[in-house]
Amino acid sequence: MKSITTNELQDQLSKIIKEVEAGEIYSVSRYSKPVAFLISKDEFDKKECKACMDDLRSIAKKLRK
Protein backbone atom coordinates (compact mmCIF):
# COMPACT_ATOMS: atom_id res chain seq x y z
CA MET A 1 0.00 0.00 0.00
CA LYS A 2 1.23 3.45 -0.89
CA SER A 3 0.49 6.65 1.04
CA ILE A 4 -0.37 9.96 -0.57
CA THR A 5 -1.61 13.37 0.55
CA THR A 6 -4.70 15.06 -0.84
CA ASN A 7 -2.47 17.64 -2.53
CA GLU A 8 -0.40 14.93 -4.22
CA LEU A 9 -3.60 13.19 -5.28
CA GLN A 10 -4.86 16.38 -6.93
CA ASP A 11 -1.57 16.89 -8.74
CA GLN A 12 -1.23 13.28 -9.92
CA LEU A 13 -4.84 12.12 -10.26
CA SER A 14 -4.57 10.45 -13.69
CA LYS A 15 -1.39 8.58 -12.72
CA ILE A 16 -2.85 7.45 -9.40
CA ILE A 17 -6.08 6.23 -11.01
CA LYS A 18 -4.09 4.18 -13.53
CA GLU A 19 -2.10 2.62 -10.68
CA VAL A 20 -5.29 1.85 -8.74
CA GLU A 21 -6.78 0.23 -11.84
CA ALA A 22 -3.65 -1.93 -12.02
CA GLY A 23 -4.17 -3.10 -8.42
CA GLU A 24 -2.32 -0.58 -6.25
CA ILE A 25 -4.00 0.53 -3.03
CA TYR A 26 -3.50 4.03 -1.63
CA SER A 27 -4.00 5.49 1.82
CA VAL A 28 -4.95 9.16 1.43
CA SER A 29 -4.03 11.63 4.19
CA ARG A 30 -5.17 15.17 4.85
CA TYR A 31 -3.17 17.27 7.32
CA SER A 32 -1.17 14.12 8.23
CA LYS A 33 -4.37 12.26 9.19
CA PRO A 34 -5.45 9.22 7.13
CA VAL A 35 -8.90 9.95 5.71
CA ALA A 36 -9.53 7.48 2.87
CA PHE A 37 -8.37 4.49 0.89
CA LEU A 38 -8.33 4.16 -2.88
CA ILE A 39 -8.87 0.63 -4.20
CA SER A 40 -9.95 -0.66 -7.57
CA LYS A 41 -13.56 -1.60 -8.24
CA ASP A 42 -12.43 -5.16 -8.98
CA GLU A 43 -10.80 -5.35 -5.55
CA PHE A 44 -13.85 -3.81 -3.89
CA ASP A 45 -16.17 -6.30 -5.63
CA LYS A 46 -14.42 -9.25 -4.00
CA LYS A 47 -16.65 -11.01 -1.48
CA GLU A 48 -14.37 -10.51 1.52
CA CYS A 49 -14.00 -6.80 0.80
CA LYS A 50 -17.77 -6.30 0.67
CA ALA A 51 -18.17 -8.10 4.00
CA CYS A 52 -15.43 -5.93 5.51
CA MET A 53 -17.12 -2.75 4.24
CA ASP A 54 -20.44 -3.86 5.74
CA ASP A 55 -18.68 -4.35 9.08
CA LEU A 56 -17.05 -0.92 8.86
CA ARG A 57 -20.37 0.75 8.02
CA SER A 58 -21.99 -0.96 11.02
CA ILE A 59 -19.22 0.23 13.33
CA ALA A 60 -19.35 3.78 11.96
CA LYS A 61 -23.11 3.91 12.38
CA LYS A 62 -22.76 2.90 16.06
CA LEU A 63 -20.06 5.52 16.63
CA ARG A 64 -22.24 8.32 15.22
CA LYS A 65 -24.98 7.69 17.79
C-alpha atoms as a PDB file:
ATOM      1  CA  MET A   1       0.000   0.000   0.000  1.00  0.00           C
ATOM      2  CA  LYS A   2       1.233   3.454  -0.886  1.00  0.00           C
ATOM      3  CA  SER A   3       0.492   6.648   1.043  1.00  0.00           C
ATOM      4  CA  ILE A   4      -0.373   9.956  -0.570  1.00  0.00           C
ATOM      5  CA  THR A   5      -1.615  13.371   0.555  1.00  0.00           C
ATOM      6  CA  THR A   6      -4.699  15.056  -0.838  1.00  0.00           C
ATOM      7  CA  ASN A   7      -2.468  17.639  -2.528  1.00  0.00           C
ATOM      8  CA  GLU A   8      -0.399  14.926  -4.220  1.00  0.00           C
ATOM      9  CA  LEU A   9      -3.604  13.191  -5.281  1.00  0.00           C
ATOM     10  CA  GLN A  10      -4.860  16.379  -6.925  1.00  0.00           C
ATOM     11  CA  ASP A  11      -1.565  16.886  -8.744  1.00  0.00           C
ATOM     12  CA  GLN A  12      -1.228  13.275  -9.925  1.00  0.00           C
ATOM     13  CA  LEU A  13      -4.844  12.116 -10.261  1.00  0.00           C
ATOM     14  CA  SER A  14      -4.565  10.448 -13.686  1.00  0.00           C
ATOM     15  CA  LYS A  15      -1.390   8.585 -12.723  1.00  0.00           C
ATOM     16  CA  ILE A  16      -2.851   7.446  -9.402  1.00  0.00           C
ATOM     17  CA  ILE A  17      -6.085   6.229 -11.011  1.00  0.00           C
ATOM     18  CA  LYS A  18      -4.085   4.183 -13.534  1.00  0.00           C
ATOM     19  CA  GLU A  19      -2.104   2.622 -10.676  1.00  0.00           C
ATOM     20  CA  VAL A  20      -5.287   1.855  -8.739  1.00  0.00           C
ATOM     21  CA  GLU A  21      -6.779   0.228 -11.841  1.00  0.00           C
ATOM     22  CA  ALA A  22      -3.651  -1.926 -12.016  1.00  0.00           C
ATOM     23  CA  GLY A  23      -4.174  -3.098  -8.418  1.00  0.00           C
ATOM     24  CA  GLU A  24      -2.316  -0.576  -6.254  1.00  0.00           C
ATOM     25  CA  ILE A  25      -4.005   0.527  -3.032  1.00  0.00           C
ATOM     26  CA  TYR A  26      -3.503   4.030  -1.633  1.00  0.00           C
ATOM     27  CA  SER A  27      -3.995   5.488   1.820  1.00  0.00           C
ATOM     28  CA  VAL A  28      -4.948   9.163   1.434  1.00  0.00           C
ATOM     29  CA  SER A  29      -4.031  11.632   4.190  1.00  0.00           C
ATOM     30  CA  ARG A  30      -5.167  15.165   4.848  1.00  0.00           C
ATOM     31  CA  TYR A  31      -3.168  17.271   7.323  1.00  0.00           C
ATOM     32  CA  SER A  32      -1.175  14.121   8.230  1.00  0.00           C
ATOM     33  CA  LYS A  33      -4.370  12.260   9.189  1.00  0.00           C
ATOM     34  CA  PRO A  34      -5.445   9.223   7.127  1.00  0.00           C
ATOM     35  CA  VAL A  35      -8.905   9.950   5.708  1.00  0.00           C
ATOM     36  CA  ALA A  36      -9.525   7.476   2.867  1.00  0.00           C
ATOM     37  CA  PHE A  37      -8.373   4.486   0.893  1.00  0.00           C
ATOM     38  CA  LEU A  38      -8.326   4.156  -2.879  1.00  0.00           C
ATOM     39  CA  ILE A  39      -8.867   0.635  -4.201  1.00  0.00           C
ATOM     40  CA  SER A  40      -9.946  -0.664  -7.574  1.00  0.00           C
ATOM     41  CA  LYS A  41     -13.557  -1.595  -8.241  1.00  0.00           C
ATOM     42  CA  ASP A  42     -12.429  -5.159  -8.982  1.00  0.00           C
ATOM     43  CA  GLU A  43     -10.800  -5.352  -5.553  1.00  0.00           C
ATOM     44  CA  PHE A  44     -13.850  -3.814  -3.894  1.00  0.00           C
ATOM     45  CA  ASP A  45     -16.172  -6.304  -5.626  1.00  0.00           C
ATOM     46  CA  LYS A  46     -14.422  -9.252  -3.999  1.00  0.00           C
ATOM     47  CA  LYS A  47     -16.655 -11.011  -1.482  1.00  0.00           C
ATOM     48  CA  GLU A  48     -14.368 -10.506   1.516  1.00  0.00           C
ATOM     49  CA  CYS A  49     -13.998  -6.798   0.802  1.00  0.00           C
ATOM     50  CA  LYS A  50     -17.767  -6.296   0.666  1.00  0.00           C
ATOM     51  CA  ALA A  51     -18.170  -8.099   3.997  1.00  0.00           C
ATOM     52  CA  CYS A  52     -15.432  -5.933   5.506  1.00  0.00           C
ATOM     53  CA  MET A  53     -17.122  -2.751   4.242  1.00  0.00           C
ATOM     54  CA  ASP A  54     -20.438  -3.856   5.738  1.00  0.00           C
ATOM     55  CA  ASP A  55     -18.678  -4.355   9.075  1.00  0.00           C
ATOM     56  CA  LEU A  56     -17.053  -0.924   8.864  1.00  0.00           C
ATOM     57  CA  ARG A  57     -20.373   0.752   8.021  1.00  0.00           C
ATOM     58  CA  SER A  58     -21.992  -0.959  11.017  1.00  0.00           C
ATOM     59  CA  ILE A  59     -19.215   0.229  13.330  1.00  0.00           C
ATOM     60  CA  ALA A  60     -19.350   3.783  11.957  1.00  0.00           C
ATOM     61  CA  LYS A  61     -23.110   3.905  12.384  1.00  0.00           C
ATOM     62  CA  LYS A  62     -22.763   2.903  16.061  1.00  0.00           C
ATOM     63  CA  LEU A  63     -20.058   5.517  16.629  1.00  0.00           C
ATOM     64  CA  ARG A  64     -22.236   8.321  15.216  1.00  0.00           C
ATOM     65  CA  LYS A  65     -24.978   7.689  17.794  1.00  0.00           C
END
